Amino acid sequence: LRSYNPSFLRGKSCIAEVATLQVEFLYLSRVTGDGRFAAAGDKVMRCVEAHLPADGLMPMYINPETGEFERSVVTLGARSDSAYEYLLKQWLIVGDGAAREERRWVANMYQRSVRGVLDKLVRTSSPSNLTYVCERGPNGALQHKMDHLVCFVPGMLALWQVVVDHGNATDVAFADETLGVAERLMHTCMEMYRRSATGLAPEIVQFKANHDFVPSTGASHSLLRPEAVESLFVLWRVTRNETYREWGWEIFTAINRHARVEGGGFSGLKDVNKAEKGLNDKMESFFVSETLKYLYLMWADERLLPLDRFVFNTEAHPLSMPGPAG
């Protein structure tokens, strides 16, 4: 077996690559009875834990030989996003009770990282006070841009509601704080859709003083990504606030109006503010496996794939938690 990283990475690995198999490996060990999968995933996570920065924010690149983080961008967007998501989900997938308590260490990593995000990266725009998540450059300077990919964060934060210990005041305070941020950030993500001519969000936006945000140069296209509807689905399930289903319907209507292809299928848009530029002639696999799935689940019977019994991996495949006896 030959292992290597692409030459442009100069030997480094993306944190999302090394920290986004643990949910699947834990599940494999449970259903096969072979603990080697979980052990391999945990070996990686213990290394990440040992080198996790004090503020809990994981730089984009990590040295695969030493496990030390490389000086690089801190982002919840591309090449980092699912590493943060899986800190929580690899704790949820083992089920409740003793198994989950044994993995409290990874939940502690999640809470530490979330605290870092809230304290160091969350900012508000002017003039509308929209909550957003910055990036932090290798030199420590904040970059006021946000990928559509970051719209998974509201759902991630809201998911703590599934496991909150209502008898623990500290845990309740964390749950309340993160749900509040989730709802404000979800509003920003929805504004990314509503403020475009087509009702579809651009790939990346740049936050500017007195202008809230504008599409980043070269990033006004839409790939029909799933992150916003994923978060809407989770927020709907945990809050029962009908607003989130209404927003999901707005997005679905915009997709149907501007991205449907005559003869069948859907396609991304070249420019969400200039529909006349046309489609990009690509239907990404995540559009079917994630975007449409989460939209469907928003109106499906809530007994289908309940969040306290299933974990959705980063590609929206539902994996069951152990049953009462498992």
Protein backbone atom coordinates (compact mmCIF):
# COMPACT_ATOMS: atom_id res chain seq x y z
CA LEU A 1 0.00 0.00 0.00
CA ARG A 2 1.50 3.32 -1.09
CA SER A 3 0.46 6.40 0.85
CA TYR A 4 1.13 9.96 -0.18
CA ASN A 5 -0.31 13.46 -0.29
CA PRO A 6 -0.68 15.45 -3.52
CA SER A 7 2.51 17.36 -4.32
CA PHE A 8 0.84 20.76 -3.85
CA LEU A 9 0.31 19.95 -0.16
CA ARG A 10 4.07 19.52 0.35
CA GLY A 11 3.61 16.55 2.62
CA LYS A 12 0.83 18.06 4.74
CA SER A 13 -2.62 16.61 5.32
CA CYS A 14 -5.89 18.53 5.61
CA ILE A 15 -7.46 18.24 9.05
CA ALA A 16 -10.77 17.30 7.40
CA GLU A 17 -9.06 14.33 5.75
CA VAL A 18 -7.61 12.89 8.95
CA ALA A 19 -10.57 13.63 11.25
CA THR A 20 -13.58 12.69 9.10
CA LEU A 21 -13.60 8.89 9.16
CA GLN A 22 -14.08 8.36 12.87
CA VAL A 23 -17.90 8.17 12.80
CA GLU A 24 -17.82 5.52 10.09
CA PHE A 25 -15.02 3.56 11.79
CA LEU A 26 -16.86 3.52 15.13
CA TYR A 27 -19.98 2.29 13.35
CA LEU A 28 -18.02 -0.40 11.48
CA SER A 29 -16.52 -1.72 14.71
CA ARG A 30 -19.97 -1.96 16.27
CA VAL A 31 -21.68 -3.78 13.40
CA THR A 32 -18.74 -6.11 12.63
CA GLY A 33 -17.48 -6.71 16.15
CA ASP A 34 -13.97 -5.85 14.95
CA GLY A 35 -12.51 -3.17 17.19
CA ARG A 36 -9.62 -2.37 14.85
CA PHE A 37 -11.65 0.24 12.97
CA ALA A 38 -12.53 2.25 16.08
CA ALA A 39 -8.99 1.88 17.43
CA ALA A 40 -7.52 3.30 14.21
CA GLY A 41 -9.83 6.30 14.32
CA ASP A 42 -9.18 6.90 18.01
CA LYS A 43 -5.43 6.76 17.51
CA VAL A 44 -5.74 9.71 15.15
CA MET A 45 -8.06 11.63 17.45
CA ARG A 46 -5.81 11.13 20.48
CA CYS A 47 -3.00 12.62 18.43
CA VAL A 48 -5.18 15.58 17.43
CA GLU A 49 -6.21 15.98 21.07
CA ALA A 50 -2.58 16.06 22.19
CA HIS A 51 -1.76 18.85 19.72
CA LEU A 52 -5.04 20.78 19.86
CA PRO A 53 -4.28 24.50 20.29
CA ALA A 54 -5.29 26.11 23.55
CA ASP A 55 -8.19 27.96 21.89
CA GLY A 56 -9.51 24.74 20.33
CA LEU A 57 -9.21 26.08 16.77
CA MET A 58 -7.68 23.58 14.37
CA PRO A 59 -5.53 25.00 11.56
CA MET A 60 -6.27 23.61 8.09
CA TYR A 61 -3.08 21.55 7.78
CA ILE A 62 -1.51 18.92 10.01
CA ASN A 63 1.76 17.01 9.70
CA PRO A 64 0.84 13.33 9.15
CA GLU A 65 4.16 12.15 10.58
CA THR A 66 4.27 14.15 13.82
CA GLY A 67 0.60 15.01 14.32
CA GLU A 68 1.53 18.64 14.87
CA PHE A 69 -0.57 21.35 13.28
CA GLU A 70 1.09 23.44 10.58
CA ARG A 71 0.86 27.20 10.60
CA SER A 72 -2.08 27.72 8.26
CA VAL A 73 -5.56 29.20 7.90
CA VAL A 74 -8.18 28.48 10.55
CA THR A 75 -11.54 28.08 8.86
CA LEU A 76 -14.80 26.22 9.25
CA GLY A 77 -15.00 26.08 5.47
CA ALA A 78 -13.29 23.87 2.91
CA ARG A 79 -10.66 21.35 4.11
CA SER A 80 -11.56 21.86 7.77
CA ASP A 81 -15.35 21.84 8.14
CA SER A 82 -16.14 18.20 8.79
CA ALA A 83 -13.35 17.83 11.37
CA TYR A 84 -15.30 20.15 13.65
CA GLU A 85 -18.60 18.46 12.79
CA TYR A 86 -17.20 15.02 13.64
CA LEU A 87 -15.96 16.05 17.08
CA LEU A 88 -19.60 15.99 18.13
CA LYS A 89 -20.86 13.20 15.89
CA GLN A 90 -18.23 10.66 16.92
CA TRP A 91 -19.46 11.17 20.46
CA LEU A 92 -23.13 10.79 19.51
CA ILE A 93 -22.70 7.64 17.38
CA VAL A 94 -21.79 5.40 20.33
CA GLY A 95 -25.21 5.91 21.92
CA ASP A 96 -25.99 6.99 25.46
CA GLY A 97 -24.97 5.62 28.83
CA ALA A 98 -21.54 4.27 29.71
CA ALA A 99 -20.26 4.16 26.11
CA ARG A 100 -20.86 7.86 25.67
CA GLU A 101 -19.38 8.70 29.06
CA GLU A 102 -16.21 6.82 28.12
CA ARG A 103 -15.85 9.11 25.14
CA ARG A 104 -16.41 12.30 27.10
CA TRP A 105 -12.88 13.32 26.08
CA VAL A 106 -13.99 13.91 22.49
CA ALA A 107 -17.04 15.88 23.64
CA ASN A 108 -14.64 18.04 25.63
CA MET A 109 -12.67 18.65 22.43
CA TYR A 110 -15.89 19.70 20.72
CA GLN A 111 -16.85 22.13 23.47
CA ARG A 112 -13.34 23.58 23.53
CA SER A 113 -13.37 24.10 19.78
CA VAL A 114 -16.83 25.66 19.83
CA ARG A 115 -15.74 28.04 22.57
CA GLY A 116 -12.83 29.06 20.37
CA VAL A 117 -15.15 29.67 17.42
CA LEU A 118 -17.58 31.75 19.48
CA ASP A 119 -14.87 33.81 21.16
CA LYS A 120 -12.39 34.23 18.30
CA LEU A 121 -14.22 33.89 14.98
CA VAL A 122 -17.87 34.93 15.36
CA ARG A 123 -18.52 38.54 14.39
CA THR A 124 -21.50 40.68 13.33
CA SER A 125 -21.91 42.76 10.19
CA SER A 126 -22.96 46.34 9.67
CA PRO A 127 -25.50 47.72 9.25
CA SER A 128 -27.76 44.68 9.82
CA ASN A 129 -25.92 42.93 12.68
CA LEU A 130 -25.78 39.63 10.83
CA THR A 131 -23.82 36.97 12.68
CA TYR A 132 -21.06 35.30 10.67
CA VAL A 133 -17.93 33.18 11.13
CA CYS A 134 -14.60 34.64 10.07
CA GLU A 135 -11.47 32.87 8.95
CA ARG A 136 -8.15 33.48 10.67
CA GLY A 137 -5.03 33.76 8.53
CA PRO A 138 -1.69 32.11 9.34
CA ASN A 139 -0.52 35.46 10.74
CA GLY A 140 -3.52 35.68 13.09
CA ALA A 141 -5.41 38.36 11.14
CA LEU A 142 -9.14 37.82 10.67
CA GLN A 143 -10.48 37.44 7.15
CA HIS A 144 -14.10 38.53 6.95
CA LYS A 145 -15.32 35.97 4.42
CA MET A 146 -17.63 33.02 4.81
CA ASP A 147 -18.13 30.03 2.54
CA HIS A 148 -21.58 28.60 2.01
CA LEU A 149 -19.95 25.47 3.44
CA VAL A 150 -19.93 27.21 6.84
CA CYS A 151 -23.72 27.11 6.87
CA PHE A 152 -23.41 23.61 8.34
CA VAL A 153 -22.45 25.27 11.64
CA PRO A 154 -26.00 26.22 12.76
CA GLY A 155 -27.02 22.58 12.50
CA MET A 156 -23.90 21.40 14.29
CA LEU A 157 -24.47 23.82 17.17
CA ALA A 158 -28.17 22.98 17.42
CA LEU A 159 -27.42 19.26 17.56
CA TRP A 160 -26.15 19.63 21.15
CA GLN A 161 -29.83 19.92 22.10
CA VAL A 162 -30.09 16.16 21.52
CA VAL A 163 -27.65 15.38 24.34
CA VAL A 164 -27.97 18.32 26.74
CA ASP A 165 -27.95 17.26 30.40
CA HIS A 166 -30.84 19.27 31.83
CA GLY A 167 -29.65 18.53 35.35
CA ASN A 168 -26.30 20.21 34.69
CA ALA A 169 -26.51 24.01 34.77
CA THR A 170 -23.22 24.42 32.90
CA ASP A 171 -24.37 22.09 30.14
CA VAL A 172 -27.73 23.86 29.88
CA ALA A 173 -25.98 27.25 29.62
CA PHE A 174 -23.74 25.90 26.83
CA ALA A 175 -26.76 24.49 25.00
CA ASP A 176 -28.70 27.74 25.30
CA GLU A 177 -25.75 29.85 24.15
CA THR A 178 -24.93 27.69 21.15
CA LEU A 179 -28.56 27.41 20.06
CA GLY A 180 -28.82 31.19 20.11
CA VAL A 181 -25.74 31.53 17.92
CA ALA A 182 -27.07 28.77 15.64
CA GLU A 183 -30.33 30.64 15.07
CA ARG A 184 -28.59 33.95 14.38
CA LEU A 185 -26.12 32.34 12.00
CA MET A 186 -28.96 30.51 10.26
CA HIS A 187 -30.59 33.88 9.63
CA THR A 188 -27.37 35.09 7.98
CA CYS A 189 -27.21 32.01 5.77
CA MET A 190 -30.80 32.61 4.73
CA GLU A 191 -29.95 36.20 3.87
CA MET A 192 -27.25 34.86 1.54
CA TYR A 193 -30.12 33.29 -0.42
CA ARG A 194 -32.64 36.10 -0.13
CA ARG A 195 -30.29 38.89 -1.20
CA SER A 196 -29.44 37.31 -4.53
CA ALA A 197 -31.45 37.87 -7.69
CA THR A 198 -32.29 34.16 -8.02
CA GLY A 199 -32.87 33.36 -4.36
CA LEU A 200 -29.88 31.03 -4.38
CA ALA A 201 -26.77 31.67 -2.29
CA PRO A 202 -23.33 32.32 -3.79
CA GLU A 203 -20.42 30.03 -3.00
CA ILE A 204 -18.56 32.59 -0.84
CA VAL A 205 -19.42 36.01 0.54
CA GLN A 206 -17.21 38.82 1.79
CA PHE A 207 -18.38 40.93 4.72
CA LYS A 208 -17.76 44.64 4.28
CA ALA A 209 -18.32 47.60 6.61
CA ASN A 210 -21.72 49.24 6.05
CA HIS A 211 -22.61 46.76 3.29
CA ASP A 212 -23.16 43.53 5.26
CA PHE A 213 -21.84 41.21 2.56
CA VAL A 214 -21.28 40.83 -1.18
CA PRO A 215 -20.36 37.75 -3.23
CA SER A 216 -16.60 37.23 -3.24
CA THR A 217 -14.84 37.87 -6.53
CA GLY A 218 -15.08 34.76 -8.68
CA ALA A 219 -17.46 33.06 -6.23
CA SER A 220 -20.94 34.24 -7.23
CA HIS A 221 -21.86 30.80 -8.59
CA SER A 222 -24.04 28.19 -6.88
CA LEU A 223 -23.37 24.45 -6.77
CA LEU A 224 -26.72 23.81 -5.01
CA ARG A 225 -24.83 22.89 -1.85
CA PRO A 226 -26.62 21.22 1.09
CA GLU A 227 -25.23 22.97 4.18
CA ALA A 228 -28.00 25.54 4.65
CA VAL A 229 -30.85 23.05 4.24
CA GLU A 230 -29.01 20.58 6.48
CA SER A 231 -29.00 23.19 9.24
CA LEU A 232 -32.63 24.11 8.57
CA PHE A 233 -33.57 20.45 8.97
CA VAL A 234 -31.74 20.11 12.30
CA LEU A 235 -33.11 23.40 13.62
CA TRP A 236 -36.63 22.39 12.64
CA ARG A 237 -36.28 19.07 14.44
CA VAL A 238 -34.88 20.52 17.67
CA THR A 239 -36.98 23.72 17.92
CA ARG A 240 -40.21 22.87 16.04
CA ASN A 241 -40.09 26.46 14.80
CA GLU A 242 -42.11 26.48 11.57
CA THR A 243 -39.96 29.33 10.23
CA TYR A 244 -37.22 26.88 9.35
CA ARG A 245 -39.51 24.82 7.14
CA GLU A 246 -40.75 28.01 5.48
CA TRP A 247 -37.15 28.98 4.71
CA GLY A 248 -36.49 25.49 3.37
CA TRP A 249 -39.47 25.87 1.05
CA GLU A 250 -38.11 29.20 -0.20
CA ILE A 251 -34.83 27.53 -1.11
CA PHE A 252 -36.55 24.59 -2.77
CA THR A 253 -38.73 26.94 -4.80
CA ALA A 254 -35.67 28.89 -5.99
CA ILE A 255 -33.91 25.65 -6.96
CA ASN A 256 -36.96 24.48 -8.87
CA ARG A 257 -37.31 27.81 -10.64
CA HIS A 258 -33.72 28.45 -11.65
CA ALA A 259 -31.82 25.14 -11.54
CA ARG A 260 -34.21 22.61 -13.07
CA VAL A 261 -33.05 21.25 -16.41
CA GLU A 262 -35.57 20.65 -19.16
CA GLY A 263 -35.80 16.93 -19.72
CA GLY A 264 -34.72 16.01 -16.20
CA GLY A 265 -32.25 16.83 -13.48
CA PHE A 266 -30.84 20.00 -11.99
CA SER A 267 -27.71 22.06 -12.47
CA GLY A 268 -25.68 24.64 -10.62
CA LEU A 269 -25.78 28.30 -11.70
CA LYS A 270 -22.85 30.28 -13.08
CA ASP A 271 -23.97 33.46 -11.29
CA VAL A 272 -26.75 33.72 -8.72
CA ASN A 273 -27.27 37.39 -9.54
CA LYS A 274 -27.28 36.97 -13.32
CA ALA A 275 -29.50 34.06 -14.24
CA GLU A 276 -28.98 34.89 -17.90
CA LYS A 277 -25.43 33.54 -17.63
CA GLY A 278 -27.03 30.14 -17.47
CA LEU A 279 -26.29 26.81 -15.82
CA ASN A 280 -22.93 25.12 -15.34
CA ASP A 281 -24.22 21.79 -16.71
CA LYS A 282 -23.21 19.86 -13.58
CA MET A 283 -25.43 18.09 -11.07
CA GLU A 284 -23.17 17.36 -8.11
CA SER A 285 -23.66 14.06 -6.30
CA PHE A 286 -24.23 15.90 -3.01
CA PHE A 287 -27.27 17.60 -4.48
CA VAL A 288 -29.17 14.30 -4.51
CA SER A 289 -27.56 12.61 -1.51
CA GLU A 290 -27.73 15.67 0.76
CA THR A 291 -29.61 18.73 -0.50
CA LEU A 292 -32.74 16.92 -1.65
CA LYS A 293 -32.60 14.44 1.24
CA TYR A 294 -32.60 17.14 3.90
CA LEU A 295 -35.35 19.03 2.11
CA TYR A 296 -37.45 15.86 2.01
CA LEU A 297 -36.82 15.10 5.69
CA MET A 298 -38.04 18.55 6.69
CA TRP A 299 -41.56 17.46 5.75
CA ALA A 300 -41.29 13.72 6.42
CA ASP A 301 -42.79 12.05 9.45
CA GLU A 302 -40.51 12.92 12.37
CA ARG A 303 -40.38 9.26 13.37
CA LEU A 304 -38.25 8.75 10.28
CA LEU A 305 -34.56 8.98 11.28
CA PRO A 306 -34.97 10.73 14.66
CA LEU A 307 -31.89 12.68 15.72
CA ASP A 308 -31.64 10.88 19.07
CA ARG A 309 -31.30 7.50 17.31
CA PHE A 310 -29.38 8.31 14.11
CA VAL A 311 -26.28 10.28 13.20
CA PHE A 312 -25.94 11.68 9.69
CA ASN A 313 -22.40 11.44 8.45
CA THR A 314 -20.89 14.33 6.52
CA GLU A 315 -22.45 13.05 3.27
CA ALA A 316 -25.90 12.72 4.90
CA HIS A 317 -25.88 8.93 5.18
CA PRO A 318 -27.82 7.98 8.33
CA LEU A 319 -26.01 5.64 10.73
CA SER A 320 -27.92 4.20 13.67
CA MET A 321 -26.85 4.55 17.27
CA PRO A 322 -26.90 1.37 19.40
CA GLY A 323 -30.33 0.32 20.63
CA PRO A 324 -31.28 0.10 24.31
CA ALA A 325 -29.48 -3.24 24.64
CA GLY A 326 -26.53 -2.26 22.45
